[in-house]
Amino acid sequence: MADPFLPSSSSLPFMRRHLRSSPSPVILRQLEEEAKAREAANTVDITQVMSKLDRRSQLKRELPPK
């Protein structure tokens, strides 16, 4: 019986199609890292936003009226 995992001329197109449909571990790791980076970029630290707003309001109070 022939080994189904060894390429032969008749099964080569099928194997190519199969290889394309399953990404390598390197590509999977890269996709995971990209997803983590996107998630981190979309996450906003509300404490930083609030502290910026507080600083702006303090500066407005400290400025003398024109």
C-alpha atoms as a PDB file:
ATOM      1  CA  MET A   1       0.000   0.000   0.000  1.00  0.00           C
ATOM      2  CA  ALA A   2       1.328   3.443  -0.926  1.00  0.00           C
ATOM      3  CA  ASP A   3       1.991   6.017   1.780  1.00  0.00           C
ATOM      4  CA  PRO A   4      -0.663   8.788   1.436  1.00  0.00           C
ATOM      5  CA  PHE A   5       1.777  11.417   2.770  1.00  0.00           C
ATOM      6  CA  LEU A   6       4.431  10.837   0.102  1.00  0.00           C
ATOM      7  CA  PRO A   7       3.936  12.969  -3.018  1.00  0.00           C
ATOM      8  CA  SER A   8       3.157  11.212  -6.252  1.00  0.00           C
ATOM      9  CA  SER A   9       2.462  12.770  -9.618  1.00  0.00           C
ATOM     10  CA  SER A  10      -1.294  12.116  -9.307  1.00  0.00           C
ATOM     11  CA  SER A  11      -1.709  13.489  -5.749  1.00  0.00           C
ATOM     12  CA  LEU A  12       0.570  16.517  -6.106  1.00  0.00           C
ATOM     13  CA  PRO A  13      -2.177  19.059  -6.970  1.00  0.00           C
ATOM     14  CA  PHE A  14      -4.221  17.862  -3.994  1.00  0.00           C
ATOM     15  CA  MET A  15      -1.237  18.176  -1.662  1.00  0.00           C
ATOM     16  CA  ARG A  16      -0.498  21.685  -2.902  1.00  0.00           C
ATOM     17  CA  ARG A  17      -4.094  22.676  -2.242  1.00  0.00           C
ATOM     18  CA  HIS A  18      -3.918  21.109   1.224  1.00  0.00           C
ATOM     19  CA  LEU A  19      -0.653  22.862   2.068  1.00  0.00           C
ATOM     20  CA  ARG A  20      -2.061  26.236   1.051  1.00  0.00           C
ATOM     21  CA  SER A  21      -5.142  25.769   3.247  1.00  0.00           C
ATOM     22  CA  SER A  22      -3.129  25.084   6.423  1.00  0.00           C
ATOM     23  CA  PRO A  23      -0.794  27.961   7.343  1.00  0.00           C
ATOM     24  CA  SER A  24       2.578  27.226   8.851  1.00  0.00           C
ATOM     25  CA  PRO A  25       3.213  27.778  12.578  1.00  0.00           C
ATOM     26  CA  VAL A  26       5.354  30.807  11.682  1.00  0.00           C
ATOM     27  CA  ILE A  27       2.448  32.440   9.844  1.00  0.00           C
ATOM     28  CA  LEU A  28       0.044  31.543  12.661  1.00  0.00           C
ATOM     29  CA  ARG A  29       2.384  33.144  15.221  1.00  0.00           C
ATOM     30  CA  GLN A  30       2.680  36.274  13.063  1.00  0.00           C
ATOM     31  CA  LEU A  31      -1.114  36.520  12.724  1.00  0.00           C
ATOM     32  CA  GLU A  32      -1.499  36.149  16.506  1.00  0.00           C
ATOM     33  CA  GLU A  33       1.075  38.894  17.126  1.00  0.00           C
ATOM     34  CA  GLU A  34      -0.683  41.195  14.641  1.00  0.00           C
ATOM     35  CA  ALA A  35      -4.020  40.540  16.352  1.00  0.00           C
ATOM     36  CA  LYS A  36      -2.494  41.332  19.761  1.00  0.00           C
ATOM     37  CA  ALA A  37      -0.963  44.540  18.387  1.00  0.00           C
ATOM     38  CA  ARG A  38      -4.308  45.623  16.900  1.00  0.00           C
ATOM     39  CA  GLU A  39      -6.056  44.892  20.193  1.00  0.00           C
ATOM     40  CA  ALA A  40      -3.450  46.873  22.135  1.00  0.00           C
ATOM     41  CA  ALA A  41      -3.770  49.792  19.723  1.00  0.00           C
ATOM     42  CA  ASN A  42      -7.560  49.793  20.069  1.00  0.00           C
ATOM     43  CA  THR A  43      -7.446  49.689  23.868  1.00  0.00           C
ATOM     44  CA  VAL A  44      -7.407  53.173  25.368  1.00  0.00           C
ATOM     45  CA  ASP A  45      -6.328  53.714  28.961  1.00  0.00           C
ATOM     46  CA  ILE A  46      -9.132  55.888  30.321  1.00  0.00           C
ATOM     47  CA  THR A  47      -6.952  57.113  33.210  1.00  0.00           C
ATOM     48  CA  GLN A  48      -4.528  58.687  30.742  1.00  0.00           C
ATOM     49  CA  VAL A  49      -7.370  60.381  28.878  1.00  0.00           C
ATOM     50  CA  MET A  50      -8.863  61.717  32.109  1.00  0.00           C
ATOM     51  CA  SER A  51      -5.508  63.001  33.385  1.00  0.00           C
ATOM     52  CA  LYS A  52      -5.003  64.898  30.110  1.00  0.00           C
ATOM     53  CA  LEU A  53      -8.438  66.467  30.475  1.00  0.00           C
ATOM     54  CA  ASP A  54      -7.667  67.397  34.090  1.00  0.00           C
ATOM     55  CA  ARG A  55      -4.388  69.034  33.062  1.00  0.00           C
ATOM     56  CA  ARG A  56      -6.135  71.025  30.338  1.00  0.00           C
ATOM     57  CA  SER A  57      -8.795  72.283  32.722  1.00  0.00           C
ATOM     58  CA  GLN A  58      -6.120  73.239  35.289  1.00  0.00           C
ATOM     59  CA  LEU A  59      -4.201  75.187  32.637  1.00  0.00           C
ATOM     60  CA  LYS A  60      -7.354  77.052  31.648  1.00  0.00           C
ATOM     61  CA  ARG A  61      -7.965  78.029  35.277  1.00  0.00           C
ATOM     62  CA  GLU A  62      -4.365  79.202  35.747  1.00  0.00           C
ATOM     63  CA  LEU A  63      -4.342  81.436  32.662  1.00  0.00           C
ATOM     64  CA  PRO A  64      -5.325  85.043  33.423  1.00  0.00           C
ATOM     65  CA  PRO A  65      -8.391  86.305  31.552  1.00  0.00           C
ATOM     66  CA  LYS A  66      -7.635  88.360  28.450  1.00  0.00           C
END
